[in-house]
Amino acid sequence: MNFDYNHVVIMGLNQRDSIWKLLNDYNVNSLKRRRQAEIDAFFEPFERAQRIRFNNWQNGIELLDGAEWRNGDIVIPGGGGPVISSPLDQFFIDPLFGLDMGNFYLSFTNESLFMAVTVVLVLSLFGVVTKKGGGKLVPNAWQSLVELIYDFVLNLVNEQIGGNVKQKFFPCILVTFTFSLFCNLQGMIPFSFTVTSHFLITLALSFSIFIGITIVGFQRHGLHFFSFLLPAGVPLPLAPFLVLLELISYCFRALSLGIRLFANMMAGHSLVKILSGFAWTMLFLNNIFYFIGDLGPLFIVLALTGLELGVAILQAYVFTILICIYLNDAINLH
């Protein structure tokens, strides 16, 4: 990278703002190049009064020493002090490797990695239990877990979907519930990634299922499926208004289905991150009163972690039961 030695970074900025300003001024737009290794390589030519190790900015609060970074007229002041990262940094999508194809950039990100891990875990769990034609007469812990998930989803389908054709939709609903459940629970593991905290993932999942449900409705009822938009007994003058209202409501089902899962997972993990950072800061203030006062936030973090674990399971259940309700509406037109 070529440096403009006539460029001077504003001295009043703190370390992080100065670095980001310099990176943006030199058009370092690739997210991949903004990571730790690239930042170290970028500042390698600088003369440093002391060797400063910049850790990943996603790791919370870091205390930096007062050294300066210099290269000609380019100055990044030191000064020390905390660099506070946002609780939303845990949702940052980091490209692991990619393929540059002209105007297209195909990348395999940490989100892709954890989705692949989720699929492998689910397939491995069901594969181990069902190998050699079935499970054992006396089930072990893993077989009991699979049977619990299977029976739970089967009862859900039987309760929410009427008619004789509901069983052929059971495999799809089982896969959806298992995938969303494992993605939610995987996000509770420290240093992992919450796949369902990203709106594009939940939106892609909800819209694909919604389109499939709509296709099922047209295959089963043809154009009579549109009667779903007009309730029985509606006066004729109100029919156009109610049809438009029902159509908007029907289309927003997919949007609300994705937003609900995304918002709950993102809000819960952000709250845990904020309270954990507060408790960790209080713990290291080297004051006995702060240490005693830290027990309160610490217990709150533990309780909130347990609550978030329950939310992860509950949101997978809500996501699945709404799919069953929408599918029942498409099959039975009510």
C-alpha atoms as a PDB file:
ATOM      1  CA  MET A   1       0.000   0.000   0.000  1.00  0.00           C
ATOM      2  CA  ASN A   2       1.321   3.463  -0.907  1.00  0.00           C
ATOM      3  CA  PHE A   3       1.343   6.124   1.814  1.00  0.00           C
ATOM      4  CA  ASP A   4       0.813   9.836   1.217  1.00  0.00           C
ATOM      5  CA  TYR A   5       3.387  11.426   3.473  1.00  0.00           C
ATOM      6  CA  ASN A   6       1.712  14.830   3.173  1.00  0.00           C
ATOM      7  CA  HIS A   7      -1.401  13.481   4.843  1.00  0.00           C
ATOM      8  CA  VAL A   8      -1.731  14.284   8.547  1.00  0.00           C
ATOM      9  CA  VAL A   9      -4.206  12.533  10.806  1.00  0.00           C
ATOM     10  CA  ILE A  10      -6.077  14.903  13.115  1.00  0.00           C
ATOM     11  CA  MET A  11      -4.306  14.800  16.456  1.00  0.00           C
ATOM     12  CA  GLY A  12      -7.390  15.186  18.615  1.00  0.00           C
ATOM     13  CA  LEU A  13      -8.884  11.822  17.667  1.00  0.00           C
ATOM     14  CA  ASN A  14      -8.447   8.747  19.849  1.00  0.00           C
ATOM     15  CA  GLN A  15      -6.631   5.659  18.617  1.00  0.00           C
ATOM     16  CA  ARG A  16      -9.576   3.817  17.186  1.00  0.00           C
ATOM     17  CA  ASP A  17     -11.114   6.808  15.399  1.00  0.00           C
ATOM     18  CA  SER A  18      -7.714   7.721  13.966  1.00  0.00           C
ATOM     19  CA  ILE A  19      -7.128   4.239  12.624  1.00  0.00           C
ATOM     20  CA  TRP A  20     -10.554   4.007  11.042  1.00  0.00           C
ATOM     21  CA  LYS A  21     -10.173   7.491   9.550  1.00  0.00           C
ATOM     22  CA  LEU A  22      -6.836   6.536   8.023  1.00  0.00           C
ATOM     23  CA  LEU A  23      -8.197   3.253   6.681  1.00  0.00           C
ATOM     24  CA  ASN A  24     -11.197   4.982   5.134  1.00  0.00           C
ATOM     25  CA  ASP A  25      -9.032   7.759   3.634  1.00  0.00           C
ATOM     26  CA  TYR A  26      -6.959   5.117   1.878  1.00  0.00           C
ATOM     27  CA  ASN A  27     -10.107   3.347   0.603  1.00  0.00           C
ATOM     28  CA  VAL A  28      -9.548   0.131   2.516  1.00  0.00           C
ATOM     29  CA  ASN A  29     -13.117  -0.992   1.919  1.00  0.00           C
ATOM     30  CA  SER A  30     -12.829  -4.757   2.106  1.00  0.00           C
ATOM     31  CA  LEU A  31     -14.103  -6.114   5.407  1.00  0.00           C
ATOM     32  CA  LYS A  32     -11.489  -8.821   5.266  1.00  0.00           C
ATOM     33  CA  ARG A  33      -8.688  -6.240   5.167  1.00  0.00           C
ATOM     34  CA  ARG A  34      -9.996  -4.580   8.312  1.00  0.00           C
ATOM     35  CA  ARG A  35      -9.172  -7.536  10.522  1.00  0.00           C
ATOM     36  CA  GLN A  36      -6.265  -7.993  12.899  1.00  0.00           C
ATOM     37  CA  ALA A  37      -3.616  -9.409  10.553  1.00  0.00           C
ATOM     38  CA  GLU A  38      -4.214  -6.789   7.883  1.00  0.00           C
ATOM     39  CA  ILE A  39      -4.145  -3.918  10.395  1.00  0.00           C
ATOM     40  CA  ASP A  40      -0.814  -5.179  11.787  1.00  0.00           C
ATOM     41  CA  ALA A  41       0.619  -5.401   8.279  1.00  0.00           C
ATOM     42  CA  PHE A  42      -0.719  -1.952   7.424  1.00  0.00           C
ATOM     43  CA  PHE A  43       1.105  -0.297  10.333  1.00  0.00           C
ATOM     44  CA  GLU A  44       4.273  -2.382  10.116  1.00  0.00           C
ATOM     45  CA  PRO A  45       6.339   0.462   8.520  1.00  0.00           C
ATOM     46  CA  PHE A  46       5.541   2.830  11.372  1.00  0.00           C
ATOM     47  CA  GLU A  47       8.215   3.732  13.935  1.00  0.00           C
ATOM     48  CA  ARG A  48       6.906   2.955  17.398  1.00  0.00           C
ATOM     49  CA  ALA A  49       8.250   4.227  20.691  1.00  0.00           C
ATOM     50  CA  GLN A  50       6.974   1.007  22.220  1.00  0.00           C
ATOM     51  CA  ARG A  51       5.655  -2.139  20.642  1.00  0.00           C
ATOM     52  CA  ILE A  52       1.868  -2.013  20.817  1.00  0.00           C
ATOM     53  CA  ARG A  53      -0.209  -5.081  20.310  1.00  0.00           C
ATOM     54  CA  PHE A  54      -3.692  -4.242  19.040  1.00  0.00           C
ATOM     55  CA  ASN A  55      -6.012  -7.111  19.892  1.00  0.00           C
ATOM     56  CA  ASN A  56      -9.228  -7.874  18.093  1.00  0.00           C
ATOM     57  CA  TRP A  57     -11.630  -5.027  18.819  1.00  0.00           C
ATOM     58  CA  GLN A  58     -14.465  -7.458  19.392  1.00  0.00           C
ATOM     59  CA  ASN A  59     -13.017  -8.568  22.728  1.00  0.00           C
ATOM     60  CA  GLY A  60     -14.426  -5.782  24.883  1.00  0.00           C
ATOM     61  CA  ILE A  61     -12.327  -3.138  26.682  1.00  0.00           C
ATOM     62  CA  GLU A  62      -8.611  -2.840  25.993  1.00  0.00           C
ATOM     63  CA  LEU A  63      -6.112  -0.519  27.692  1.00  0.00           C
ATOM     64  CA  LEU A  64      -3.519   0.838  25.261  1.00  0.00           C
ATOM     65  CA  ASP A  65      -0.229   2.471  26.239  1.00  0.00           C
ATOM     66  CA  GLY A  66       0.793   5.981  25.246  1.00  0.00           C
ATOM     67  CA  ALA A  67       3.068   5.255  22.302  1.00  0.00           C
ATOM     68  CA  GLU A  68       2.712   6.990  18.961  1.00  0.00           C
ATOM     69  CA  TRP A  69       2.534   5.497  15.499  1.00  0.00           C
ATOM     70  CA  ARG A  70       4.565   7.475  12.953  1.00  0.00           C
ATOM     71  CA  ASN A  71       5.426   7.295   9.287  1.00  0.00           C
ATOM     72  CA  GLY A  72       6.635  10.576   7.856  1.00  0.00           C
ATOM     73  CA  ASP A  73       3.928  13.155   8.389  1.00  0.00           C
ATOM     74  CA  ILE A  74       1.328  10.551   9.263  1.00  0.00           C
ATOM     75  CA  VAL A  75       0.804  10.511  13.030  1.00  0.00           C
ATOM     76  CA  ILE A  76      -1.594   8.389  15.034  1.00  0.00           C
ATOM     77  CA  PRO A  77      -1.457   9.635  18.619  1.00  0.00           C
ATOM     78  CA  GLY A  78      -1.249   7.296  21.587  1.00  0.00           C
ATOM     79  CA  GLY A  79      -2.501   8.564  24.884  1.00  0.00           C
ATOM     80  CA  GLY A  80      -3.816   5.346  26.397  1.00  0.00           C
ATOM     81  CA  GLY A  81      -7.295   4.862  27.720  1.00  0.00           C
ATOM     82  CA  PRO A  82     -10.079   2.378  27.077  1.00  0.00           C
ATOM     83  CA  VAL A  83     -11.245   1.317  23.659  1.00  0.00           C
ATOM     84  CA  ILE A  84     -14.828   0.143  24.083  1.00  0.00           C
ATOM     85  CA  SER A  85     -16.361  -2.135  21.508  1.00  0.00           C
ATOM     86  CA  SER A  86     -20.048  -2.284  20.733  1.00  0.00           C
ATOM     87  CA  PRO A  87     -22.106  -5.235  22.031  1.00  0.00           C
ATOM     88  CA  LEU A  88     -23.199  -5.691  18.418  1.00  0.00           C
ATOM     89  CA  ASP A  89     -19.633  -6.587  17.392  1.00  0.00           C
ATOM     90  CA  GLN A  90     -20.390 -10.209  18.284  1.00  0.00           C
ATOM     91  CA  PHE A  91     -22.673 -10.337  15.225  1.00  0.00           C
ATOM     92  CA  PHE A  92     -19.944  -9.174  12.834  1.00  0.00           C
ATOM     93  CA  ILE A  93     -19.707 -11.347   9.718  1.00  0.00           C
ATOM     94  CA  ASP A  94     -16.031 -12.094   9.120  1.00  0.00           C
ATOM     95  CA  PRO A  95     -14.936 -13.562   5.758  1.00  0.00           C
ATOM     96  CA  LEU A  96     -12.659 -16.557   6.347  1.00  0.00           C
ATOM     97  CA  PHE A  97     -11.655 -16.973   2.725  1.00  0.00           C
ATOM     98  CA  GLY A  98     -13.100 -15.898  -0.585  1.00  0.00           C
ATOM     99  CA  LEU A  99     -12.942 -15.983  -4.339  1.00  0.00           C
ATOM    100  CA  ASP A 100     -12.711 -12.735  -6.298  1.00  0.00           C
ATOM    101  CA  MET A 101     -14.497 -13.071  -9.649  1.00  0.00           C
ATOM    102  CA  GLY A 102     -14.393  -9.644 -11.270  1.00  0.00           C
ATOM    103  CA  ASN A 103     -17.426  -7.746 -10.025  1.00  0.00           C
ATOM    104  CA  PHE A 104     -18.429 -10.632  -7.753  1.00  0.00           C
ATOM    105  CA  TYR A 105     -16.821 -11.695  -4.495  1.00  0.00           C
ATOM    106  CA  LEU A 106     -17.778 -15.110  -3.143  1.00  0.00           C
ATOM    107  CA  SER A 107     -16.749 -15.596   0.461  1.00  0.00           C
ATOM    108  CA  PHE A 108     -17.025 -18.282   3.105  1.00  0.00           C
ATOM    109  CA  THR A 109     -17.746 -16.443   6.351  1.00  0.00           C
ATOM    110  CA  ASN A 110     -17.925 -17.368  10.015  1.00  0.00           C
ATOM    111  CA  GLU A 111     -21.704 -17.441   9.590  1.00  0.00           C
ATOM    112  CA  SER A 112     -21.388 -20.003   6.796  1.00  0.00           C
ATOM    113  CA  LEU A 113     -19.040 -22.046   8.962  1.00  0.00           C
ATOM    114  CA  PHE A 114     -21.420 -22.245  11.916  1.00  0.00           C
ATOM    115  CA  MET A 115     -24.382 -23.065   9.673  1.00  0.00           C
ATOM    116  CA  ALA A 116     -22.339 -25.926   8.227  1.00  0.00           C
ATOM    117  CA  VAL A 117     -21.406 -27.036  11.750  1.00  0.00           C
ATOM    118  CA  THR A 118     -25.098 -27.018  12.706  1.00  0.00           C
ATOM    119  CA  VAL A 119     -26.034 -29.183   9.721  1.00  0.00           C
ATOM    120  CA  VAL A 120     -23.204 -31.624  10.488  1.00  0.00           C
ATOM    121  CA  LEU A 121     -24.243 -31.871  14.152  1.00  0.00           C
ATOM    122  CA  VAL A 122     -27.893 -32.532  13.291  1.00  0.00           C
ATOM    123  CA  LEU A 123     -27.052 -35.141  10.641  1.00  0.00           C
ATOM    124  CA  SER A 124     -24.524 -36.815  12.935  1.00  0.00           C
ATOM    125  CA  LEU A 125     -26.977 -36.974  15.834  1.00  0.00           C
ATOM    126  CA  PHE A 126     -29.790 -38.479  13.767  1.00  0.00           C
ATOM    127  CA  GLY A 127     -27.371 -40.688  11.830  1.00  0.00           C
ATOM    128  CA  VAL A 128     -25.831 -42.245  14.931  1.00  0.00           C
ATOM    129  CA  VAL A 129     -29.236 -42.928  16.485  1.00  0.00           C
ATOM    130  CA  THR A 130     -30.863 -44.398  13.355  1.00  0.00           C
ATOM    131  CA  LYS A 131     -27.918 -46.438  12.041  1.00  0.00           C
ATOM    132  CA  LYS A 132     -28.410 -50.161  11.369  1.00  0.00           C
ATOM    133  CA  GLY A 133     -32.137 -49.778  10.851  1.00  0.00           C
ATOM    134  CA  GLY A 134     -33.161 -48.154  14.105  1.00  0.00           C
ATOM    135  CA  GLY A 135     -32.412 -47.406  17.717  1.00  0.00           C
ATOM    136  CA  LYS A 136     -31.903 -49.633  20.702  1.00  0.00           C
ATOM    137  CA  LEU A 137     -34.711 -51.124  22.771  1.00  0.00           C
ATOM    138  CA  VAL A 138     -33.177 -49.475  25.828  1.00  0.00           C
ATOM    139  CA  PRO A 139     -32.393 -45.961  24.562  1.00  0.00           C
ATOM    140  CA  ASN A 140     -29.268 -44.114  25.577  1.00  0.00           C
ATOM    141  CA  ALA A 141     -29.147 -40.358  26.198  1.00  0.00           C
ATOM    142  CA  TRP A 142     -28.694 -39.418  22.524  1.00  0.00           C
ATOM    143  CA  GLN A 143     -31.515 -41.666  21.352  1.00  0.00           C
ATOM    144  CA  SER A 144     -33.774 -40.269  24.069  1.00  0.00           C
ATOM    145  CA  LEU A 145     -33.001 -36.739  22.867  1.00  0.00           C
ATOM    146  CA  VAL A 146     -33.832 -37.589  19.248  1.00  0.00           C
ATOM    147  CA  GLU A 147     -37.038 -39.377  20.276  1.00  0.00           C
ATOM    148  CA  LEU A 148     -38.024 -36.377  22.407  1.00  0.00           C
ATOM    149  CA  ILE A 149     -37.580 -33.986  19.469  1.00  0.00           C
ATOM    150  CA  TYR A 150     -39.370 -36.383  17.104  1.00  0.00           C
ATOM    151  CA  ASP A 151     -42.379 -36.909  19.397  1.00  0.00           C
ATOM    152  CA  PHE A 152     -42.598 -33.198  20.196  1.00  0.00           C
ATOM    153  CA  VAL A 153     -42.755 -32.146  16.537  1.00  0.00           C
ATOM    154  CA  LEU A 154     -45.103 -35.031  15.658  1.00  0.00           C
ATOM    155  CA  ASN A 155     -47.584 -33.995  18.364  1.00  0.00           C
ATOM    156  CA  LEU A 156     -47.284 -30.388  17.218  1.00  0.00           C
ATOM    157  CA  VAL A 157     -48.162 -31.341  13.643  1.00  0.00           C
ATOM    158  CA  ASN A 158     -51.098 -33.519  14.735  1.00  0.00           C
ATOM    159  CA  GLU A 159     -52.522 -30.764  16.945  1.00  0.00           C
ATOM    160  CA  GLN A 160     -52.131 -27.809  14.590  1.00  0.00           C
ATOM    161  CA  ILE A 161     -52.764 -29.275  11.119  1.00  0.00           C
ATOM    162  CA  GLY A 162     -56.056 -30.907  10.215  1.00  0.00           C
ATOM    163  CA  GLY A 163     -56.763 -33.415   7.463  1.00  0.00           C
ATOM    164  CA  ASN A 164     -55.152 -36.607   6.248  1.00  0.00           C
ATOM    165  CA  VAL A 165     -52.263 -35.055   4.299  1.00  0.00           C
ATOM    166  CA  LYS A 166     -50.459 -33.519   7.270  1.00  0.00           C
ATOM    167  CA  GLN A 167     -48.014 -36.406   7.712  1.00  0.00           C
ATOM    168  CA  LYS A 168     -46.287 -35.756   4.397  1.00  0.00           C
ATOM    169  CA  PHE A 169     -45.286 -32.296   5.676  1.00  0.00           C
ATOM    170  CA  PHE A 170     -43.892 -33.685   8.931  1.00  0.00           C
ATOM    171  CA  PRO A 171     -40.275 -34.235   7.669  1.00  0.00           C
ATOM    172  CA  CYS A 172     -39.986 -30.628   6.484  1.00  0.00           C
ATOM    173  CA  ILE A 173     -41.329 -29.275   9.778  1.00  0.00           C
ATOM    174  CA  LEU A 174     -39.021 -31.577  11.759  1.00  0.00           C
ATOM    175  CA  VAL A 175     -35.966 -30.353   9.816  1.00  0.00           C
ATOM    176  CA  THR A 176     -36.995 -26.709  10.276  1.00  0.00           C
ATOM    177  CA  PHE A 177     -37.479 -27.075  14.027  1.00  0.00           C
ATOM    178  CA  THR A 178     -34.239 -28.998  14.525  1.00  0.00           C
ATOM    179  CA  PHE A 179     -32.173 -26.565  12.456  1.00  0.00           C
ATOM    180  CA  SER A 180     -33.535 -23.457  14.197  1.00  0.00           C
ATOM    181  CA  LEU A 181     -33.193 -25.092  17.624  1.00  0.00           C
ATOM    182  CA  PHE A 182     -29.560 -26.088  17.103  1.00  0.00           C
ATOM    183  CA  CYS A 183     -28.688 -22.690  15.606  1.00  0.00           C
ATOM    184  CA  ASN A 184     -30.192 -20.927  18.626  1.00  0.00           C
ATOM    185  CA  LEU A 185     -28.507 -23.200  21.168  1.00  0.00           C
ATOM    186  CA  GLN A 186     -25.170 -23.046  19.369  1.00  0.00           C
ATOM    187  CA  GLY A 187     -25.136 -19.287  19.895  1.00  0.00           C
ATOM    188  CA  MET A 188     -25.099 -19.833  23.672  1.00  0.00           C
ATOM    189  CA  ILE A 189     -21.646 -21.436  23.496  1.00  0.00           C
ATOM    190  CA  PRO A 190     -18.896 -18.882  24.309  1.00  0.00           C
ATOM    191  CA  PHE A 191     -16.909 -17.607  21.302  1.00  0.00           C
ATOM    192  CA  SER A 192     -19.399 -19.151  18.880  1.00  0.00           C
ATOM    193  CA  PHE A 193     -21.690 -17.340  16.445  1.00  0.00           C
ATOM    194  CA  THR A 194     -25.468 -16.930  16.565  1.00  0.00           C
ATOM    195  CA  VAL A 195     -26.646 -17.631  13.038  1.00  0.00           C
ATOM    196  CA  THR A 196     -30.271 -16.694  13.719  1.00  0.00           C
ATOM    197  CA  SER A 197     -29.269 -13.238  14.985  1.00  0.00           C
ATOM    198  CA  HIS A 198     -28.959 -12.090  11.369  1.00  0.00           C
ATOM    199  CA  PHE A 199     -32.080 -10.864   9.637  1.00  0.00           C
ATOM    200  CA  LEU A 200     -31.079 -12.117   6.190  1.00  0.00           C
ATOM    201  CA  ILE A 201     -30.793 -15.691   7.479  1.00  0.00           C
ATOM    202  CA  THR A 202     -34.148 -15.705   9.264  1.00  0.00           C
ATOM    203  CA  LEU A 203     -35.758 -13.813   6.376  1.00  0.00           C
ATOM    204  CA  ALA A 204     -34.459 -16.319   3.814  1.00  0.00           C
ATOM    205  CA  LEU A 205     -35.737 -19.174   5.972  1.00  0.00           C
ATOM    206  CA  SER A 206     -39.178 -17.648   6.567  1.00  0.00           C
ATOM    207  CA  PHE A 207     -39.718 -16.505   2.967  1.00  0.00           C
ATOM    208  CA  SER A 208     -38.702 -19.860   1.476  1.00  0.00           C
ATOM    209  CA  ILE A 209     -41.128 -21.668   3.790  1.00  0.00           C
ATOM    210  CA  PHE A 210     -43.864 -19.091   3.127  1.00  0.00           C
ATOM    211  CA  ILE A 211     -43.496 -19.489  -0.652  1.00  0.00           C
ATOM    212  CA  GLY A 212     -43.679 -23.266  -0.247  1.00  0.00           C
ATOM    213  CA  ILE A 213     -46.861 -22.987   1.839  1.00  0.00           C
ATOM    214  CA  THR A 214     -48.441 -20.729  -0.799  1.00  0.00           C
ATOM    215  CA  ILE A 215     -47.573 -23.234  -3.544  1.00  0.00           C
ATOM    216  CA  VAL A 216     -49.191 -26.003  -1.474  1.00  0.00           C
ATOM    217  CA  GLY A 217     -52.351 -23.887  -1.186  1.00  0.00           C
ATOM    218  CA  PHE A 218     -52.577 -23.358  -4.953  1.00  0.00           C
ATOM    219  CA  GLN A 219     -51.839 -27.027  -5.700  1.00  0.00           C
ATOM    220  CA  ARG A 220     -54.616 -28.131  -3.377  1.00  0.00           C
ATOM    221  CA  HIS A 221     -57.311 -25.551  -4.173  1.00  0.00           C
ATOM    222  CA  GLY A 222     -56.308 -23.852  -7.422  1.00  0.00           C
ATOM    223  CA  LEU A 223     -57.735 -20.359  -7.866  1.00  0.00           C
ATOM    224  CA  HIS A 224     -60.215 -21.099  -5.084  1.00  0.00           C
ATOM    225  CA  PHE A 225     -57.277 -20.443  -2.746  1.00  0.00           C
ATOM    226  CA  PHE A 226     -57.987 -16.715  -3.181  1.00  0.00           C
ATOM    227  CA  SER A 227     -61.222 -17.221  -1.229  1.00  0.00           C
ATOM    228  CA  PHE A 228     -58.958 -17.334   1.804  1.00  0.00           C
ATOM    229  CA  LEU A 229     -58.607 -13.559   1.441  1.00  0.00           C
ATOM    230  CA  LEU A 230     -62.347 -12.882   1.693  1.00  0.00           C
ATOM    231  CA  PRO A 231     -64.085 -13.945   4.930  1.00  0.00           C
ATOM    232  CA  ALA A 232     -67.593 -15.349   4.607  1.00  0.00           C
ATOM    233  CA  GLY A 233     -70.534 -12.999   5.080  1.00  0.00           C
ATOM    234  CA  VAL A 234     -68.659  -9.784   4.240  1.00  0.00           C
ATOM    235  CA  PRO A 235     -70.861  -7.047   2.683  1.00  0.00           C
ATOM    236  CA  LEU A 236     -70.065  -6.460  -0.987  1.00  0.00           C
ATOM    237  CA  PRO A 237     -69.074  -2.758  -0.607  1.00  0.00           C
ATOM    238  CA  LEU A 238     -66.427  -3.741   1.973  1.00  0.00           C
ATOM    239  CA  ALA A 239     -65.055  -6.676  -0.048  1.00  0.00           C
ATOM    240  CA  PRO A 240     -62.321  -4.806  -2.015  1.00  0.00           C
ATOM    241  CA  PHE A 241     -61.017  -3.130   1.127  1.00  0.00           C
ATOM    242  CA  LEU A 242     -60.970  -6.357   3.150  1.00  0.00           C
ATOM    243  CA  VAL A 243     -59.334  -8.339   0.325  1.00  0.00           C
ATOM    244  CA  LEU A 244     -56.522  -5.781   0.131  1.00  0.00           C
ATOM    245  CA  LEU A 245     -56.182  -5.798   3.915  1.00  0.00           C
ATOM    246  CA  GLU A 246     -56.086  -9.602   4.080  1.00  0.00           C
ATOM    247  CA  LEU A 247     -53.558  -9.751   1.224  1.00  0.00           C
ATOM    248  CA  ILE A 248     -51.208  -7.357   3.014  1.00  0.00           C
ATOM    249  CA  SER A 249     -51.667  -9.291   6.249  1.00  0.00           C
ATOM    250  CA  TYR A 250     -50.949 -12.579   4.471  1.00  0.00           C
ATOM    251  CA  CYS A 251     -47.763 -11.271   2.831  1.00  0.00           C
ATOM    252  CA  PHE A 252     -46.500  -9.826   6.108  1.00  0.00           C
ATOM    253  CA  ARG A 253     -46.636 -13.265   7.710  1.00  0.00           C
ATOM    254  CA  ALA A 254     -43.270 -14.152   6.187  1.00  0.00           C
ATOM    255  CA  LEU A 255     -41.736 -10.855   7.296  1.00  0.00           C
ATOM    256  CA  SER A 256     -43.008 -11.092  10.864  1.00  0.00           C
ATOM    257  CA  LEU A 257     -41.908 -14.727  11.087  1.00  0.00           C
ATOM    258  CA  GLY A 258     -38.318 -13.790  10.263  1.00  0.00           C
ATOM    259  CA  ILE A 259     -38.223 -10.581  12.317  1.00  0.00           C
ATOM    260  CA  ARG A 260     -39.526 -12.283  15.458  1.00  0.00           C
ATOM    261  CA  LEU A 261     -36.737 -14.858  15.534  1.00  0.00           C
ATOM    262  CA  PHE A 262     -34.010 -12.374  14.576  1.00  0.00           C
ATOM    263  CA  ALA A 263     -35.081  -9.667  17.061  1.00  0.00           C
ATOM    264  CA  ASN A 264     -35.372 -11.981  20.058  1.00  0.00           C
ATOM    265  CA  MET A 265     -32.003 -13.645  19.485  1.00  0.00           C
ATOM    266  CA  MET A 266     -30.162 -10.394  18.781  1.00  0.00           C
ATOM    267  CA  ALA A 267     -31.679  -8.496  21.720  1.00  0.00           C
ATOM    268  CA  GLY A 268     -31.020 -11.297  24.200  1.00  0.00           C
ATOM    269  CA  HIS A 269     -27.385 -11.789  23.219  1.00  0.00           C
ATOM    270  CA  SER A 270     -26.747  -8.032  23.226  1.00  0.00           C
ATOM    271  CA  LEU A 271     -28.160  -7.704  26.737  1.00  0.00           C
ATOM    272  CA  VAL A 272     -26.004 -10.581  27.997  1.00  0.00           C
ATOM    273  CA  LYS A 273     -22.934  -8.953  26.406  1.00  0.00           C
ATOM    274  CA  ILE A 274     -23.637  -5.564  28.016  1.00  0.00           C
ATOM    275  CA  LEU A 275     -24.188  -6.939  31.516  1.00  0.00           C
ATOM    276  CA  SER A 276     -21.218  -9.306  31.210  1.00  0.00           C
ATOM    277  CA  GLY A 277     -18.941  -6.406  30.254  1.00  0.00           C
ATOM    278  CA  PHE A 278     -20.226  -4.366  33.190  1.00  0.00           C
ATOM    279  CA  ALA A 279     -19.690  -7.222  35.662  1.00  0.00           C
ATOM    280  CA  TRP A 280     -16.200  -7.923  34.283  1.00  0.00           C
ATOM    281  CA  THR A 281     -15.210  -4.245  34.597  1.00  0.00           C
ATOM    282  CA  MET A 282     -16.476  -4.039  38.171  1.00  0.00           C
ATOM    283  CA  LEU A 283     -14.558  -7.177  39.079  1.00  0.00           C
ATOM    284  CA  PHE A 284     -11.178  -5.707  38.079  1.00  0.00           C
ATOM    285  CA  LEU A 285     -11.422  -2.264  39.680  1.00  0.00           C
ATOM    286  CA  ASN A 286      -9.289  -3.511  42.615  1.00  0.00           C
ATOM    287  CA  ASN A 287     -11.716  -2.242  45.216  1.00  0.00           C
ATOM    288  CA  ILE A 288     -13.356  -4.487  47.797  1.00  0.00           C
ATOM    289  CA  PHE A 289     -16.618  -2.524  47.659  1.00  0.00           C
ATOM    290  CA  TYR A 290     -16.760  -2.814  43.896  1.00  0.00           C
ATOM    291  CA  PHE A 291     -15.983  -6.526  44.203  1.00  0.00           C
ATOM    292  CA  ILE A 292     -18.888  -7.016  46.601  1.00  0.00           C
ATOM    293  CA  GLY A 293     -21.126  -4.913  44.391  1.00  0.00           C
ATOM    294  CA  ASP A 294     -20.097  -6.999  41.404  1.00  0.00           C
ATOM    295  CA  LEU A 295     -21.860 -10.081  42.771  1.00  0.00           C
ATOM    296  CA  GLY A 296     -25.219  -8.549  41.917  1.00  0.00           C
ATOM    297  CA  PRO A 297     -24.491  -8.039  38.209  1.00  0.00           C
ATOM    298  CA  LEU A 298     -22.761 -11.427  38.131  1.00  0.00           C
ATOM    299  CA  PHE A 299     -25.874 -13.211  39.401  1.00  0.00           C
ATOM    300  CA  ILE A 300     -27.983 -11.197  36.963  1.00  0.00           C
ATOM    301  CA  VAL A 301     -25.736 -12.353  34.109  1.00  0.00           C
ATOM    302  CA  LEU A 302     -26.104 -15.990  35.206  1.00  0.00           C
ATOM    303  CA  ALA A 303     -29.886 -15.648  35.485  1.00  0.00           C
ATOM    304  CA  LEU A 304     -30.066 -13.870  32.143  1.00  0.00           C
ATOM    305  CA  THR A 305     -27.979 -16.604  30.521  1.00  0.00           C
ATOM    306  CA  GLY A 306     -30.458 -19.196  31.778  1.00  0.00           C
ATOM    307  CA  LEU A 307     -33.325 -17.061  30.499  1.00  0.00           C
ATOM    308  CA  GLU A 308     -31.639 -16.713  27.106  1.00  0.00           C
ATOM    309  CA  LEU A 309     -31.257 -20.493  26.969  1.00  0.00           C
ATOM    310  CA  GLY A 310     -35.007 -20.802  27.475  1.00  0.00           C
ATOM    311  CA  VAL A 311     -35.649 -18.121  24.844  1.00  0.00           C
ATOM    312  CA  ALA A 312     -33.519 -20.074  22.347  1.00  0.00           C
ATOM    313  CA  ILE A 313     -35.751 -23.126  22.799  1.00  0.00           C
ATOM    314  CA  LEU A 314     -38.965 -21.086  22.928  1.00  0.00           C
ATOM    315  CA  GLN A 315     -38.222 -19.192  19.712  1.00  0.00           C
ATOM    316  CA  ALA A 316     -37.605 -22.434  17.820  1.00  0.00           C
ATOM    317  CA  TYR A 317     -40.986 -23.660  19.116  1.00  0.00           C
ATOM    318  CA  VAL A 318     -42.787 -20.414  18.179  1.00  0.00           C
ATOM    319  CA  PHE A 319     -41.203 -20.422  14.719  1.00  0.00           C
ATOM    320  CA  THR A 320     -42.360 -24.005  14.131  1.00  0.00           C
ATOM    321  CA  ILE A 321     -45.882 -23.666  15.513  1.00  0.00           C
ATOM    322  CA  LEU A 322     -46.528 -20.597  13.340  1.00  0.00           C
ATOM    323  CA  ILE A 323     -45.407 -22.579  10.290  1.00  0.00           C
ATOM    324  CA  CYS A 324     -47.912 -25.295  11.243  1.00  0.00           C
ATOM    325  CA  ILE A 325     -50.701 -22.714  11.638  1.00  0.00           C
ATOM    326  CA  TYR A 326     -49.936 -21.103   8.272  1.00  0.00           C
ATOM    327  CA  LEU A 327     -49.766 -24.521   6.615  1.00  0.00           C
ATOM    328  CA  ASN A 328     -53.119 -25.479   8.116  1.00  0.00           C
ATOM    329  CA  ASP A 329     -54.638 -22.269   6.708  1.00  0.00           C
ATOM    330  CA  ALA A 330     -53.306 -23.138   3.244  1.00  0.00           C
ATOM    331  CA  ILE A 331     -54.574 -26.728   3.383  1.00  0.00           C
ATOM    332  CA  ASN A 332     -57.985 -26.155   4.965  1.00  0.00           C
ATOM    333  CA  LEU A 333     -58.578 -22.472   4.050  1.00  0.00           C
ATOM    334  CA  HIS A 334     -59.154 -21.390   7.636  1.00  0.00           C
END
